[in-house]
C-alpha atoms as a PDB file:
ATOM      1  CA  MET A   1      79.054  89.358 119.238  1.00  0.00           C
ATOM      2  CA  ASN A   2      81.752  91.622 117.968  1.00  0.00           C
ATOM      3  CA  ASN A   3      81.950  91.676 114.201  1.00  0.00           C
ATOM      4  CA  GLY A   4      85.729  91.270 114.285  1.00  0.00           C
ATOM      5  CA  LYS A   5      85.331  88.031 116.235  1.00  0.00           C
ATOM      6  CA  ILE A   6      82.731  86.769 113.806  1.00  0.00           C
ATOM      7  CA  SER A   7      84.921  87.524 110.850  1.00  0.00           C
ATOM      8  CA  VAL A   8      87.894  85.845 112.371  1.00  0.00           C
ATOM      9  CA  ARG A   9      85.972  82.661 113.307  1.00  0.00           C
ATOM     10  CA  TYR A  10      84.450  82.241 109.877  1.00  0.00           C
ATOM     11  CA  ALA A  11      87.740  83.182 108.091  1.00  0.00           C
ATOM     12  CA  LYS A  12      89.647  80.541 110.207  1.00  0.00           C
ATOM     13  CA  ALA A  13      87.019  77.925 109.456  1.00  0.00           C
ATOM     14  CA  LEU A  14      87.294  78.735 105.742  1.00  0.00           C
ATOM     15  CA  ILE A  15      91.136  78.596 105.674  1.00  0.00           C
ATOM     16  CA  MET A  16      91.065  75.239 107.439  1.00  0.00           C
ATOM     17  CA  SER A  17      88.608  73.864 104.917  1.00  0.00           C
ATOM     18  CA  ALA A  18      90.556  75.300 102.048  1.00  0.00           C
ATOM     19  CA  LYS A  19      93.884  73.890 103.378  1.00  0.00           C
ATOM     20  CA  GLU A  20      92.308  70.359 103.802  1.00  0.00           C
ATOM     21  CA  GLN A  21      90.978  70.547 100.180  1.00  0.00           C
ATOM     22  CA  LYS A  22      94.269  72.100  98.830  1.00  0.00           C
ATOM     23  CA  LEU A  23      92.329  75.219  97.729  1.00  0.00           C
ATOM     24  CA  LEU A  24      94.140  77.903  99.579  1.00  0.00           C
ATOM     25  CA  ASP A  25      95.190  79.839  96.402  1.00  0.00           C
ATOM     26  CA  PRO A  26      91.905  79.582  94.497  1.00  0.00           C
ATOM     27  CA  VAL A  27      89.822  80.508  97.622  1.00  0.00           C
ATOM     28  CA  ARG A  28      92.084  83.561  98.202  1.00  0.00           C
ATOM     29  CA  LYS A  29      91.396  84.623  94.568  1.00  0.00           C
ATOM     30  CA  ASP A  30      87.670  84.110  95.272  1.00  0.00           C
ATOM     31  CA  MET A  31      87.852  86.289  98.465  1.00  0.00           C
ATOM     32  CA  GLU A  32      89.663  88.990  96.438  1.00  0.00           C
ATOM     33  CA  LEU A  33      86.870  88.796  93.790  1.00  0.00           C
ATOM     34  CA  LEU A  34      84.233  89.011  96.548  1.00  0.00           C
ATOM     35  CA  LEU A  35      85.800  92.098  97.999  1.00  0.00           C
ATOM     36  CA  LYS A  36      86.359  93.696  94.623  1.00  0.00           C
ATOM     37  CA  THR A  37      82.769  93.021  93.611  1.00  0.00           C
ATOM     38  CA  LEU A  38      81.288  94.344  96.923  1.00  0.00           C
ATOM     39  CA  ARG A  39      83.413  97.625  96.454  1.00  0.00           C
ATOM     40  CA  ALA A  40      82.497  98.008  92.876  1.00  0.00           C
ATOM     41  CA  VAL A  41      78.669  97.315  93.431  1.00  0.00           C
ATOM     42  CA  PRO A  42      77.671  98.896  96.730  1.00  0.00           C
ATOM     43  CA  GLU A  43      74.080  97.904  96.045  1.00  0.00           C
ATOM     44  CA  LEU A  44      75.055  94.331  96.336  1.00  0.00           C
ATOM     45  CA  LEU A  45      76.435  95.045  99.925  1.00  0.00           C
ATOM     46  CA  GLN A  46      73.104  96.981 100.631  1.00  0.00           C
ATOM     47  CA  LEU A  47      71.061  94.003  99.456  1.00  0.00           C
ATOM     48  CA  LEU A  48      73.131  91.633 101.694  1.00  0.00           C
ATOM     49  CA  GLU A  49      72.704  93.883 104.704  1.00  0.00           C
ATOM     50  CA  SER A  50      68.974  94.457 104.209  1.00  0.00           C
ATOM     51  CA  PRO A  51      66.663  92.787 106.801  1.00  0.00           C
ATOM     52  CA  VAL A  52      63.821  93.074 104.390  1.00  0.00           C
ATOM     53  CA  VAL A  53      65.377  90.736 101.680  1.00  0.00           C
ATOM     54  CA  GLU A  54      64.869  87.092 102.398  1.00  0.00           C
ATOM     55  CA  PRO A  55      67.950  84.876 102.691  1.00  0.00           C
ATOM     56  CA  ALA A  56      66.695  82.749  99.853  1.00  0.00           C
ATOM     57  CA  GLN A  57      66.702  85.785  97.598  1.00  0.00           C
ATOM     58  CA  LYS A  58      70.228  86.793  98.737  1.00  0.00           C
ATOM     59  CA  LEU A  59      71.430  83.266  98.063  1.00  0.00           C
ATOM     60  CA  LYS A  60      69.893  83.388  94.570  1.00  0.00           C
ATOM     61  CA  VAL A  61      71.628  86.664  93.725  1.00  0.00           C
ATOM     62  CA  MET A  62      75.047  85.564  95.179  1.00  0.00           C
ATOM     63  CA  ASN A  63      74.784  82.277  93.335  1.00  0.00           C
ATOM     64  CA  ALA A  64      73.989  84.049  90.004  1.00  0.00           C
ATOM     65  CA  ILE A  65      77.024  86.252  90.404  1.00  0.00           C
ATOM     66  CA  PHE A  66      79.604  83.839  91.734  1.00  0.00           C
ATOM     67  CA  SER A  67      78.678  80.357  90.826  1.00  0.00           C
ATOM     68  CA  SER A  68      80.630  80.383  87.480  1.00  0.00           C
ATOM     69  CA  LYS A  69      83.604  82.308  88.842  1.00  0.00           C
ATOM     70  CA  THR A  70      84.437  80.668  92.145  1.00  0.00           C
ATOM     71  CA  GLU A  71      85.168  77.334  93.835  1.00  0.00           C
ATOM     72  CA  ALA A  72      82.294  75.234  95.295  1.00  0.00           C
ATOM     73  CA  LEU A  73      83.936  75.747  98.788  1.00  0.00           C
ATOM     74  CA  THR A  74      83.594  79.500  98.372  1.00  0.00           C
ATOM     75  CA  LEU A  75      79.895  79.317  97.339  1.00  0.00           C
ATOM     76  CA  SER A  76      79.224  76.966 100.313  1.00  0.00           C
ATOM     77  CA  PHE A  77      80.965  79.514 102.490  1.00  0.00           C
ATOM     78  CA  ILE A  78      78.826  82.375 101.232  1.00  0.00           C
ATOM     79  CA  LYS A  79      75.652  80.197 101.690  1.00  0.00           C
ATOM     80  CA  LEU A  80      76.733  79.342 105.263  1.00  0.00           C
ATOM     81  CA  ALA A  81      77.242  83.056 106.085  1.00  0.00           C
ATOM     82  CA  ILE A  82      73.806  83.961 104.617  1.00  0.00           C
ATOM     83  CA  THR A  83      71.984  81.060 106.153  1.00  0.00           C
ATOM     84  CA  ASN A  84      73.407  81.999 109.629  1.00  0.00           C
ATOM     85  CA  ASN A  85      72.498  85.600 109.092  1.00  0.00           C
ATOM     86  CA  ARG A  86      76.125  86.699 108.940  1.00  0.00           C
ATOM     87  CA  GLU A  87      76.115  88.119 105.333  1.00  0.00           C
ATOM     88  CA  GLU A  88      76.773  91.607 106.536  1.00  0.00           C
ATOM     89  CA  TYR A  89      80.205  90.302 107.764  1.00  0.00           C
ATOM     90  CA  LEU A  90      81.219  88.931 104.406  1.00  0.00           C
ATOM     91  CA  PRO A  91      83.672  91.744 103.540  1.00  0.00           C
ATOM     92  CA  GLY A  92      85.319  91.365 106.974  1.00  0.00           C
ATOM     93  CA  MET A  93      85.480  87.656 106.580  1.00  0.00           C
ATOM     94  CA  ALA A  94      87.082  87.938 103.124  1.00  0.00           C
ATOM     95  CA  ARG A  95      89.673  90.437 104.369  1.00  0.00           C
ATOM     96  CA  MET A  96      90.413  88.198 107.332  1.00  0.00           C
ATOM     97  CA  TYR A  97      90.797  85.172 105.095  1.00  0.00           C
ATOM     98  CA  ILE A  98      93.303  87.078 102.889  1.00  0.00           C
ATOM     99  CA  ASP A  99      95.223  88.214 106.057  1.00  0.00           C
ATOM    100  CA  LEU A 100      95.307  84.576 107.407  1.00  0.00           C
ATOM    101  CA  TYR A 101      96.443  83.273 103.833  1.00  0.00           C
ATOM    102  CA  LYS A 102      99.302  85.748 103.820  1.00  0.00           C
ATOM    103  CA  GLN A 103     100.383  84.597 107.384  1.00  0.00           C
ATOM    104  CA  GLU A 104     100.057  80.978 106.275  1.00  0.00           C
ATOM    105  CA  LYS A 105     102.298  81.674 103.236  1.00  0.00           C
ATOM    106  CA  GLY A 106     104.701  83.878 105.010  1.00  0.00           C
ATOM    107  CA  ILE A 107     103.839  86.918 102.767  1.00  0.00           C
ATOM    108  CA  LYS A 108     104.765  90.263 104.244  1.00  0.00           C
ATOM    109  CA  GLN A 109     103.617  93.669 103.108  1.00  0.00           C
ATOM    110  CA  ALA A 110     105.876  96.224 101.535  1.00  0.00           C
ATOM    111  CA  PHE A 111     104.799  99.773 100.480  1.00  0.00           C
ATOM    112  CA  VAL A 112     106.565 101.931  97.952  1.00  0.00           C
ATOM    113  CA  THR A 113     105.643 105.623  97.487  1.00  0.00           C
ATOM    114  CA  THR A 114     106.719 107.249  94.231  1.00  0.00           C
ATOM    115  CA  ALA A 115     106.098 110.595  92.605  1.00  0.00           C
ATOM    116  CA  VAL A 116     104.882 108.906  89.389  1.00  0.00           C
ATOM    117  CA  PRO A 117     103.287 105.370  88.760  1.00  0.00           C
ATOM    118  CA  VAL A 118     105.854 102.586  88.819  1.00  0.00           C
ATOM    119  CA  GLU A 119     106.519 100.810  85.572  1.00  0.00           C
ATOM    120  CA  LYS A 120     106.161  96.985  85.463  1.00  0.00           C
ATOM    121  CA  GLU A 121     109.919  96.356  85.055  1.00  0.00           C
ATOM    122  CA  ILE A 122     110.766  98.587  88.040  1.00  0.00           C
ATOM    123  CA  ARG A 123     108.054  97.035  90.181  1.00  0.00           C
ATOM    124  CA  THR A 124     109.594  93.622  89.384  1.00  0.00           C
ATOM    125  CA  ALA A 125     112.980  94.791  90.231  1.00  0.00           C
ATOM    126  CA  ILE A 126     111.851  96.317  93.543  1.00  0.00           C
ATOM    127  CA  ILE A 127     110.153  92.966  94.475  1.00  0.00           C
ATOM    128  CA  ASN A 128     113.314  90.958  93.511  1.00  0.00           C
ATOM    129  CA  MET A 129     115.499  93.366  95.593  1.00  0.00           C
ATOM    130  CA  ILE A 130     113.332  93.133  98.661  1.00  0.00           C
ATOM    131  CA  ARG A 131     113.202  89.272  98.409  1.00  0.00           C
ATOM    132  CA  LYS A 132     116.940  89.166  98.007  1.00  0.00           C
ATOM    133  CA  VAL A 133     117.778  91.696 100.848  1.00  0.00           C
ATOM    134  CA  PHE A 134     115.086  90.511 103.450  1.00  0.00           C
ATOM    135  CA  HIS A 135     114.674  86.853 102.411  1.00  0.00           C
ATOM    136  CA  ILE A 136     110.879  87.147 102.528  1.00  0.00           C
ATOM    137  CA  ASP A 137     108.002  86.866 100.087  1.00  0.00           C
ATOM    138  CA  ILE A 138     106.242  90.293  99.770  1.00  0.00           C
ATOM    139  CA  GLU A 139     103.226  91.827  98.409  1.00  0.00           C
ATOM    140  CA  LEU A 140     104.047  95.329  97.108  1.00  0.00           C
ATOM    141  CA  ASN A 141     101.540  98.073  97.658  1.00  0.00           C
ATOM    142  CA  GLU A 142     102.113 101.155  95.637  1.00  0.00           C
ATOM    143  CA  LYS A 143     101.194 104.720  96.328  1.00  0.00           C
ATOM    144  CA  VAL A 144     101.620 107.832  94.137  1.00  0.00           C
ATOM    145  CA  ASP A 145     102.515 111.066  96.006  1.00  0.00           C
ATOM    146  CA  GLU A 146     103.784 113.862  93.771  1.00  0.00           C
ATOM    147  CA  HIS A 147     104.894 115.784  96.899  1.00  0.00           C
ATOM    148  CA  ILE A 148     108.012 113.657  97.138  1.00  0.00           C
ATOM    149  CA  ILE A 149     109.144 115.198  93.836  1.00  0.00           C
ATOM    150  CA  GLY A 150     111.229 112.129  92.759  1.00  0.00           C
ATOM    151  CA  GLY A 151     112.833 109.002  94.033  1.00  0.00           C
ATOM    152  CA  PHE A 152     110.985 106.642  96.335  1.00  0.00           C
ATOM    153  CA  ILE A 153     110.033 105.767  99.937  1.00  0.00           C
ATOM    154  CA  LEU A 154     110.150 102.092 100.652  1.00  0.00           C
ATOM    155  CA  GLN A 155     108.735 100.445 103.794  1.00  0.00           C
ATOM    156  CA  VAL A 156     109.223  96.808 104.556  1.00  0.00           C
ATOM    157  CA  GLU A 157     107.858  95.634 107.886  1.00  0.00           C
ATOM    158  CA  ASP A 158     109.414  98.090 110.437  1.00  0.00           C
ATOM    159  CA  GLN A 159     112.193  99.401 108.227  1.00  0.00           C
ATOM    160  CA  LEU A 160     111.852 102.581 106.173  1.00  0.00           C
ATOM    161  CA  LEU A 161     114.115 103.772 103.327  1.00  0.00           C
ATOM    162  CA  ASP A 162     113.462 107.310 102.237  1.00  0.00           C
ATOM    163  CA  ALA A 163     115.273 107.949  98.921  1.00  0.00           C
ATOM    164  CA  SER A 164     112.913 110.748  97.926  1.00  0.00           C
ATOM    165  CA  VAL A 165     113.964 114.158  96.737  1.00  0.00           C
ATOM    166  CA  THR A 166     111.779 115.667  99.508  1.00  0.00           C
ATOM    167  CA  GLY A 167     113.577 113.404 102.039  1.00  0.00           C
ATOM    168  CA  GLN A 168     116.992 114.507 100.831  1.00  0.00           C
ATOM    169  CA  ILE A 169     115.912 118.183 100.958  1.00  0.00           C
ATOM    170  CA  ASN A 170     114.701 117.691 104.562  1.00  0.00           C
ATOM    171  CA  LYS A 171     118.012 116.121 105.510  1.00  0.00           C
ATOM    172  CA  ILE A 172     119.907 119.023 104.121  1.00  0.00           C
ATOM    173  CA  ARG A 173     117.562 121.520 105.857  1.00  0.00           C
ATOM    174  CA  LYS A 174     118.025 119.785 109.298  1.00  0.00           C
ATOM    175  CA  SER A 175     121.777 119.707 108.701  1.00  0.00           C
ATOM    176  CA  LEU A 176     121.895 123.501 107.968  1.00  0.00           C
ATOM    177  CA  ILE A 177     119.782 124.184 111.012  1.00  0.00           C
ATOM    178  CA  ASN A 178     122.029 122.132 113.245  1.00  0.00           C
ATOM    179  CA  LYS A 179     125.151 123.908 111.904  1.00  0.00           C
ATOM    180  CA  THR A 180     123.599 127.295 112.391  1.00  0.00           C
ATOM    181  CA  TYR A 181     122.991 126.486 116.027  1.00  0.00           C
ATOM    182  CA  GLU A 182     126.502 125.111 116.479  1.00  0.00           C
ATOM    183  CA  LYS A 183     128.035 128.445 115.405  1.00  0.00           C
ATOM    184  CA  ARG A 184     126.188 130.512 118.024  1.00  0.00           C
END
Protein backbone atom coordinates (compact mmCIF):
# COMPACT_ATOMS: atom_id res chain seq x y z
CA MET A 1 0.00 0.00 0.00
CA ASN A 2 1.17 3.53 -0.73
CA ASN A 3 2.84 5.09 2.33
CA GLY A 4 0.93 8.34 1.71
CA LYS A 5 -2.36 6.48 1.95
CA ILE A 6 -1.26 4.75 5.13
CA SER A 7 -0.20 8.03 6.73
CA VAL A 8 -3.48 9.71 5.75
CA ARG A 9 -5.63 6.88 7.11
CA TYR A 10 -3.85 6.74 10.44
CA ALA A 11 -3.76 10.53 10.79
CA LYS A 12 -7.48 10.81 10.02
CA ALA A 13 -8.25 8.17 12.63
CA LEU A 14 -6.10 9.97 15.17
CA ILE A 15 -7.66 13.35 14.50
CA MET A 16 -11.15 11.85 14.85
CA SER A 17 -10.20 10.29 18.20
CA ALA A 18 -8.52 13.48 19.38
CA LYS A 19 -11.59 15.49 18.39
CA GLU A 20 -13.91 13.13 20.29
CA GLN A 21 -11.73 13.38 23.39
CA LYS A 22 -11.21 17.16 22.97
CA LEU A 23 -7.46 16.66 22.64
CA LEU A 24 -6.80 18.23 19.22
CA ASP A 25 -4.28 20.77 20.54
CA PRO A 26 -2.36 18.50 22.94
CA VAL A 27 -2.09 15.75 20.32
CA ARG A 28 -0.83 18.30 17.76
CA LYS A 29 1.90 19.24 20.23
CA ASP A 30 2.65 15.54 20.71
CA MET A 31 2.96 15.03 16.94
CA GLU A 32 5.30 18.02 16.71
CA LEU A 33 7.37 16.54 19.55
CA LEU A 34 7.45 13.17 17.78
CA LEU A 35 8.67 14.77 14.55
CA LYS A 36 11.23 16.91 16.35
CA THR A 37 12.55 13.88 18.25
CA LEU A 38 12.79 11.72 15.12
CA ARG A 39 14.70 14.51 13.31
CA ALA A 40 17.02 15.15 16.24
CA VAL A 41 17.73 11.46 16.88
CA PRO A 42 17.98 9.68 13.52
CA GLU A 43 18.98 6.49 15.32
CA LEU A 44 15.48 6.33 16.77
CA LEU A 45 13.96 6.28 13.29
CA GLN A 46 16.51 3.64 12.27
CA LEU A 47 15.45 1.55 15.27
CA LEU A 48 11.78 1.90 14.33
CA GLU A 49 12.45 0.96 10.71
CA SER A 50 14.65 -2.01 11.57
CA PRO A 51 13.06 -5.39 10.83
CA VAL A 52 15.53 -7.02 13.22
CA VAL A 53 14.27 -5.19 16.32
CA GLU A 54 11.19 -6.83 17.87
CA PRO A 55 8.00 -4.73 18.15
CA ALA A 56 8.02 -5.24 21.93
CA GLN A 57 11.46 -3.63 22.12
CA LYS A 58 10.34 -0.74 19.90
CA LEU A 59 7.31 -0.21 22.16
CA LYS A 60 9.53 -0.23 25.23
CA VAL A 61 11.83 2.43 23.77
CA MET A 62 8.99 4.68 22.56
CA ASN A 63 7.20 4.30 25.89
CA ALA A 64 10.38 5.28 27.78
CA ILE A 65 10.83 8.37 25.62
CA PHE A 66 7.26 9.63 25.32
CA SER A 67 5.19 8.30 28.25
CA SER A 68 5.82 11.28 30.54
CA LYS A 69 5.63 13.89 27.76
CA THR A 70 2.56 12.97 25.74
CA GLU A 71 -1.14 12.21 26.05
CA ALA A 72 -2.31 8.63 26.57
CA LEU A 73 -4.04 8.84 23.19
CA THR A 74 -0.73 9.61 21.50
CA LEU A 75 0.97 6.68 23.21
CA SER A 76 -1.89 4.38 22.18
CA PHE A 77 -1.53 5.65 18.61
CA ILE A 78 2.22 4.95 18.57
CA LYS A 79 1.56 1.49 20.04
CA LEU A 80 -1.07 0.80 17.36
CA ALA A 81 1.32 1.83 14.57
CA ILE A 82 4.07 -0.41 15.94
CA THR A 83 1.73 -3.34 16.58
CA ASN A 84 0.45 -3.11 13.00
CA ASN A 85 4.00 -2.90 11.60
CA ARG A 86 3.46 0.68 10.46
CA GLU A 87 6.15 2.30 12.63
CA GLU A 88 8.20 3.42 9.63
CA TYR A 89 5.27 5.64 8.65
CA LEU A 90 5.12 7.50 11.98
CA PRO A 91 6.85 10.64 10.62
CA GLY A 92 4.37 10.81 7.73
CA MET A 93 1.46 10.18 10.08
CA ALA A 94 2.62 12.97 12.37
CA ARG A 95 3.04 15.43 9.47
CA MET A 96 -0.38 14.48 8.10
CA TYR A 97 -2.00 14.93 11.51
CA ILE A 98 -0.52 18.44 11.72
CA ASP A 99 -1.81 19.24 8.22
CA LEU A 100 -5.29 17.94 9.07
CA TYR A 101 -5.21 19.88 12.34
CA LYS A 102 -4.45 23.11 10.44
CA GLN A 103 -7.31 22.39 8.03
CA GLU A 104 -9.64 21.71 10.95
CA LYS A 105 -8.67 24.98 12.66
CA GLY A 106 -8.58 27.03 9.44
CA ILE A 107 -4.88 27.86 9.84
CA LYS A 108 -3.14 28.95 6.64
CA GLN A 109 0.57 29.07 5.87
CA ALA A 110 2.40 32.37 5.42
CA PHE A 111 6.05 32.69 4.48
CA VAL A 112 8.27 35.68 5.12
CA THR A 113 11.78 35.98 3.74
CA THR A 114 14.11 38.60 5.21
CA ALA A 115 17.79 39.47 4.94
CA VAL A 116 18.26 39.08 8.71
CA PRO A 117 16.35 37.11 11.37
CA VAL A 118 13.05 38.74 12.36
CA GLU A 119 12.76 40.11 15.89
CA LYS A 120 9.89 38.89 18.06
CA GLU A 121 8.02 42.23 18.00
CA ILE A 122 8.22 42.47 14.22
CA ARG A 123 7.10 38.85 13.87
CA THR A 124 4.06 39.60 16.04
CA ALA A 125 3.30 42.73 13.99
CA ILE A 126 3.50 40.75 10.73
CA ILE A 127 1.15 38.07 12.08
CA ASN A 128 -1.34 40.69 13.29
CA MET A 129 -1.21 42.55 9.97
CA ILE A 130 -1.85 39.34 8.00
CA ARG A 131 -4.77 38.41 10.27
CA LYS A 132 -6.27 41.89 9.86
CA VAL A 133 -5.84 42.10 6.09
CA PHE A 134 -6.70 38.51 5.14
CA HIS A 135 -9.09 37.65 8.00
CA ILE A 136 -7.41 34.30 8.52
CA ASP A 137 -5.43 32.55 11.22
CA ILE A 138 -1.88 31.90 10.07
CA GLU A 139 1.28 30.05 10.88
CA LEU A 140 4.25 32.21 9.94
CA ASN A 141 7.29 30.44 8.50
CA GLU A 142 10.46 32.48 8.38
CA LYS A 143 13.41 32.20 6.03
CA VAL A 144 16.62 34.25 6.03
CA ASP A 145 18.15 35.05 2.64
CA GLU A 146 20.84 37.73 2.64
CA HIS A 147 20.57 37.98 -1.15
CA ILE A 148 17.44 40.11 -0.81
CA ILE A 149 19.71 42.76 0.84
CA GLY A 150 16.91 44.31 2.91
CA GLY A 151 13.14 44.52 3.27
CA PHE A 152 11.05 41.37 3.02
CA ILE A 153 9.12 39.03 0.75
CA LEU A 154 5.76 37.90 2.11
CA GLN A 155 3.65 35.08 0.68
CA VAL A 156 0.17 34.36 1.98
CA GLU A 157 -1.69 31.62 0.14
CA ASP A 158 -1.39 32.59 -3.55
CA GLN A 159 -0.49 36.25 -3.00
CA LEU A 160 3.08 37.54 -2.99
CA LEU A 161 4.33 40.91 -1.75
CA ASP A 162 7.94 41.63 -2.68
CA ALA A 163 9.15 44.59 -0.62
CA SER A 164 12.80 43.56 -0.80
CA VAL A 165 15.65 45.75 -1.96
CA THR A 166 16.52 43.16 -4.60
CA GLY A 167 12.91 43.21 -5.81
CA GLN A 168 12.98 47.00 -6.12
CA ILE A 169 16.30 46.87 -8.01
CA ASN A 170 14.84 44.30 -10.42
CA LYS A 171 11.78 46.51 -11.02
CA ILE A 172 14.02 49.48 -11.82
CA ARG A 173 16.19 47.31 -14.09
CA LYS A 174 13.12 46.08 -16.02
CA SER A 175 11.81 49.62 -16.28
CA LEU A 176 15.11 50.86 -17.71
CA ILE A 177 15.28 47.99 -20.18
CA ASN A 178 11.72 48.68 -21.38
CA LYS A 179 12.46 52.40 -21.81
CA THR A 180 15.61 51.59 -23.82
CA TYR A 181 13.57 49.45 -26.23
CA GLU A 182 10.87 52.12 -26.55
CA LYS A 183 13.38 54.74 -27.78
CA ARG A 184 14.69 52.59 -30.61
